Amino acid sequence: MCGRYTLMTEMSQLAEAFNLAHLRYDQSPRTNIAPTQDVPVIRMQADGRELEGYRWGLIPSWAKDPKIGFKMINARAETVASKPSFRNLMPRHRVAVIADGYYEWKKEGKEKQPFRFQLESKAPFAFAGLYDEWKSPEDGELIRSCTIITTEPNPLAAEVHDRMPVILSADALAAWLDPDVTDKEQLQQLLVPYPADQMIKYPVSKAVGKVTNSQLDLIEEVPLNSK
């Protein structure tokens, strides 16, 4: 799964890296992005790519209780085109969730050691995501929410966990955001593990496990088995 990630890249760099036409999200450096928080996503509009803020944890439009979003932070690539919660979103409700690193935990006896994964270039990247819109029956509040798609791990990620988020290459990102691409089989082919030889990982402080922690040193490498 993918349950925490980072985005330390400046807005100007994101705009250039992803060719963003509109910025409708105020991004500040974040070391410990967690479910239920607003996160920056790219969505294709008629006049270009737009950066917006969506809640992480998908709330289907038909949901009676928004708390369902806690259980839908991820969608499995193997079943995303067929599972009722996601299958109708594949054709036209696709977004890219922006990050520059993500965390995963490796079980070591009774302990869990967190690792941070990045591209070898340290550049920001895009997770494949889906979104939906939910309207509160009580006050009419409209919530746009998203989920991050995961897939089987590449060899590097497999050293830590049995899943990894789908990281899109530049070409895959263009296809994923293209509103003219609606064929599920074509889209499914984009949901593959990112090449291991283009990624790095390193151990970080176990303090990242606490959602309220957000200090800068969370992304620093630490000796294995440290606190």
Protein backbone atom coordinates (compact mmCIF):
# COMPACT_ATOMS: atom_id res chain seq x y z
CA MET A 1 0.00 0.00 0.00
CA CYS A 2 0.93 3.65 -0.01
CA GLY A 3 -0.01 5.36 3.23
CA ARG A 4 2.44 8.25 3.61
CA TYR A 5 4.50 10.37 1.29
CA THR A 6 6.43 13.63 0.93
CA LEU A 7 6.41 16.72 -1.24
CA MET A 8 9.21 19.15 -0.56
CA THR A 9 9.54 20.53 -4.10
CA GLU A 10 8.84 24.23 -4.61
CA MET A 11 5.74 25.25 -6.54
CA SER A 12 7.72 26.87 -9.33
CA GLN A 13 9.61 23.63 -9.89
CA LEU A 14 6.39 21.61 -9.92
CA ALA A 15 4.87 23.96 -12.48
CA GLU A 16 7.86 23.50 -14.75
CA ALA A 17 8.28 19.76 -14.20
CA PHE A 18 4.67 18.96 -14.98
CA ASN A 19 3.87 21.74 -17.44
CA LEU A 20 1.07 23.12 -15.26
CA ALA A 21 -1.19 25.73 -16.84
CA HIS A 22 -3.17 26.58 -13.69
CA LEU A 23 -2.17 26.53 -10.01
CA ARG A 24 -5.15 26.27 -7.70
CA TYR A 25 -3.34 24.78 -4.74
CA ASP A 26 -1.01 26.44 -2.25
CA GLN A 27 1.80 23.93 -1.87
CA SER A 28 4.21 24.22 1.05
CA PRO A 29 6.95 21.68 1.93
CA ARG A 30 5.49 18.60 3.62
CA THR A 31 7.42 15.68 5.08
CA ASN A 32 4.58 13.45 6.22
CA ILE A 33 1.47 13.62 4.04
CA ALA A 34 -1.24 11.31 5.38
CA PRO A 35 -4.74 10.08 4.47
CA THR A 36 -7.69 12.46 4.97
CA GLN A 37 -5.44 15.46 4.29
CA ASP A 38 -5.81 17.66 1.23
CA VAL A 39 -3.18 16.72 -1.34
CA PRO A 40 -2.10 18.26 -4.66
CA VAL A 41 -3.31 16.48 -7.77
CA ILE A 42 -3.08 17.21 -11.48
CA ARG A 43 -6.25 17.09 -13.50
CA MET A 44 -6.49 17.79 -17.20
CA GLN A 45 -8.77 20.66 -18.19
CA ALA A 46 -9.70 21.90 -21.64
CA ASP A 47 -6.94 24.52 -21.55
CA GLY A 48 -4.18 22.53 -19.89
CA ARG A 49 -3.08 20.78 -16.71
CA GLU A 50 -4.43 22.15 -13.46
CA LEU A 51 -3.06 21.62 -9.96
CA GLU A 52 -5.86 21.28 -7.40
CA GLY A 53 -6.30 20.07 -3.83
CA TYR A 54 -8.31 16.88 -3.21
CA ARG A 55 -8.88 14.92 -0.03
CA TRP A 56 -6.82 11.72 0.13
CA GLY A 57 -9.16 8.80 0.69
CA LEU A 58 -11.79 8.33 -1.98
CA ILE A 59 -15.42 8.95 -1.08
CA PRO A 60 -17.62 7.48 -3.84
CA SER A 61 -20.42 9.73 -5.04
CA TRP A 62 -22.95 7.14 -3.85
CA ALA A 63 -21.53 6.82 -0.32
CA LYS A 64 -23.80 7.53 2.63
CA ASP A 65 -20.95 8.17 5.06
CA PRO A 66 -17.75 10.04 4.12
CA LYS A 67 -15.83 7.92 6.62
CA ILE A 68 -15.59 5.27 3.90
CA GLY A 69 -12.68 7.33 2.60
CA PHE A 70 -10.47 5.98 5.41
CA LYS A 71 -10.66 2.55 3.75
CA MET A 72 -10.08 3.77 0.21
CA ILE A 73 -6.74 5.54 0.21
CA ASN A 74 -5.45 2.97 -2.29
CA ALA A 75 -6.84 0.99 -5.22
CA ARG A 76 -5.20 -2.16 -6.53
CA ALA A 77 -4.12 -2.01 -10.18
CA GLU A 78 -5.18 -5.62 -10.66
CA THR A 79 -8.82 -4.93 -9.76
CA VAL A 80 -9.29 -1.20 -10.29
CA ALA A 81 -11.07 -1.70 -13.64
CA SER A 82 -13.57 -4.16 -12.18
CA LYS A 83 -14.13 -3.27 -8.52
CA PRO A 84 -17.48 -1.43 -8.13
CA SER A 85 -15.97 1.46 -6.18
CA PHE A 86 -13.51 2.32 -8.96
CA ARG A 87 -14.50 0.82 -12.30
CA ASN A 88 -16.75 3.69 -13.35
CA LEU A 89 -14.00 6.20 -12.53
CA MET A 90 -11.35 4.73 -14.84
CA PRO A 91 -12.61 6.23 -18.12
CA ARG A 92 -12.94 9.89 -17.11
CA HIS A 93 -12.06 10.43 -13.44
CA ARG A 94 -8.29 10.11 -13.53
CA VAL A 95 -5.80 12.35 -11.75
CA ALA A 96 -2.10 12.32 -10.93
CA VAL A 97 -1.10 12.72 -7.29
CA ILE A 98 2.17 14.65 -6.95
CA ALA A 99 5.02 13.57 -4.66
CA ASP A 100 8.80 13.51 -4.43
CA GLY A 101 9.11 10.56 -2.08
CA TYR A 102 7.01 7.96 -0.30
CA TYR A 103 7.37 5.88 2.85
CA GLU A 104 6.96 2.16 3.37
CA TRP A 105 7.54 0.02 6.44
CA LYS A 106 9.49 -3.24 6.66
CA LYS A 107 8.65 -5.70 9.39
CA GLU A 108 11.67 -6.67 11.46
CA GLY A 109 10.47 -8.97 14.22
CA LYS A 110 8.09 -6.97 16.36
CA GLU A 111 9.37 -3.68 14.98
CA LYS A 112 8.71 -1.87 11.71
CA GLN A 113 11.46 0.14 10.04
CA PRO A 114 10.29 2.93 7.70
CA PHE A 115 12.08 3.61 4.43
CA ARG A 116 11.78 6.54 2.07
CA PHE A 117 11.67 5.85 -1.65
CA GLN A 118 12.58 8.43 -4.29
CA LEU A 119 13.53 8.62 -7.92
CA GLU A 120 17.27 8.38 -8.37
CA SER A 121 17.17 11.88 -9.87
CA LYS A 122 15.38 13.22 -6.74
CA ALA A 123 12.84 14.80 -9.12
CA PRO A 124 9.13 15.05 -8.25
CA PHE A 125 6.89 12.38 -9.75
CA ALA A 126 3.24 11.48 -10.25
CA PHE A 127 1.24 8.62 -8.75
CA ALA A 128 -1.64 7.28 -10.85
CA GLY A 129 -4.87 8.23 -9.10
CA LEU A 130 -8.64 8.32 -9.43
CA TYR A 131 -11.07 10.85 -8.04
CA ASP A 132 -14.75 11.26 -7.30
CA GLU A 133 -17.08 13.98 -6.06
CA TRP A 134 -19.32 13.52 -3.03
CA LYS A 135 -22.02 15.90 -1.87
CA SER A 136 -23.04 15.97 1.77
CA PRO A 137 -26.78 15.29 2.19
CA GLU A 138 -26.75 17.47 5.30
CA ASP A 139 -25.22 20.76 4.21
CA GLY A 140 -24.52 20.27 0.51
CA GLU A 141 -20.73 20.47 0.94
CA LEU A 142 -18.94 19.15 -2.13
CA ILE A 143 -15.83 17.07 -1.47
CA ARG A 144 -13.44 16.01 -4.21
CA SER A 145 -11.40 13.05 -3.03
CA CYS A 146 -8.83 10.72 -4.53
CA THR A 147 -7.15 7.35 -4.22
CA ILE A 148 -3.63 6.26 -5.19
CA ILE A 149 -3.30 3.13 -7.32
CA THR A 150 -0.82 0.48 -6.21
CA THR A 151 0.76 -2.43 -8.06
CA GLU A 152 3.18 -5.30 -7.49
CA PRO A 153 6.59 -4.11 -6.32
CA ASN A 154 9.72 -3.80 -8.38
CA PRO A 155 12.80 -5.61 -6.92
CA LEU A 156 13.87 -2.56 -4.89
CA ALA A 157 10.43 -2.01 -3.34
CA ALA A 158 10.01 -5.76 -2.76
CA GLU A 159 12.87 -5.61 -0.25
CA VAL A 160 10.51 -3.66 2.01
CA HIS A 161 6.90 -4.40 1.05
CA ASP A 162 4.73 -6.48 -1.27
CA ARG A 163 3.07 -3.45 -2.91
CA MET A 164 4.19 -0.11 -4.33
CA PRO A 165 2.35 2.92 -5.71
CA VAL A 166 2.11 3.27 -9.49
CA ILE A 167 4.62 5.95 -10.46
CA LEU A 168 3.96 7.27 -13.97
CA SER A 169 6.70 8.03 -16.47
CA ALA A 170 6.32 11.25 -18.47
CA ASP A 171 4.72 9.39 -21.39
CA ALA A 172 2.47 7.35 -19.11
CA LEU A 173 1.40 10.53 -17.31
CA ALA A 174 0.41 12.16 -20.60
CA ALA A 175 -1.71 9.16 -21.52
CA TRP A 176 -3.21 8.85 -18.03
CA LEU A 177 -4.37 12.46 -18.06
CA ASP A 178 -5.55 12.44 -21.69
CA PRO A 179 -9.38 12.70 -21.64
CA ASP A 180 -9.55 11.11 -25.09
CA VAL A 181 -8.08 7.88 -23.71
CA THR A 182 -10.99 5.93 -22.23
CA ASP A 183 -10.18 2.31 -23.10
CA LYS A 184 -9.69 0.39 -19.87
CA GLU A 185 -7.27 -2.10 -21.40
CA GLN A 186 -5.05 0.71 -22.67
CA LEU A 187 -5.16 2.41 -19.29
CA GLN A 188 -4.43 -0.86 -17.50
CA GLN A 189 -1.15 -1.16 -19.38
CA LEU A 190 0.06 2.03 -17.67
CA LEU A 191 -0.35 0.59 -14.18
CA VAL A 192 3.01 -1.16 -13.89
CA PRO A 193 5.94 -1.05 -11.45
CA TYR A 194 8.42 1.78 -12.00
CA PRO A 195 11.92 0.58 -12.99
CA ALA A 196 13.92 -0.31 -9.89
CA ASP A 197 17.18 0.93 -11.37
CA GLN A 198 15.73 4.44 -11.50
CA MET A 199 14.81 4.54 -7.81
CA ILE A 200 16.57 4.69 -4.44
CA LYS A 201 15.54 3.93 -0.86
CA TYR A 202 16.97 4.63 2.57
CA PRO A 203 15.90 4.17 6.22
CA VAL A 204 14.32 7.08 8.07
CA SER A 205 13.23 7.80 11.63
CA LYS A 206 10.37 5.80 13.10
CA ALA A 207 8.91 9.14 14.14
CA VAL A 208 7.36 9.33 10.68
CA GLY A 209 4.84 6.76 11.88
CA LYS A 210 3.08 9.43 13.94
CA VAL A 211 0.78 11.51 11.74
CA THR A 212 1.26 14.68 13.78
CA ASN A 213 5.02 14.66 13.23
CA SER A 214 6.08 16.90 10.37
CA GLN A 215 9.61 18.05 11.19
CA LEU A 216 12.19 18.36 8.43
CA ASP A 217 14.45 15.66 9.83
CA LEU A 218 11.85 12.99 9.03
CA ILE A 219 13.29 12.72 5.53
CA GLU A 220 16.89 12.35 6.68
CA GLU A 221 18.63 9.00 6.47
CA VAL A 222 19.21 7.24 9.80
CA PRO A 223 21.15 4.12 10.81
CA LEU A 224 19.07 0.97 10.67
CA ASN A 225 17.33 -0.04 13.91
CA SER A 226 17.38 3.54 15.21
CA LYS A 227 14.40 5.15 16.86
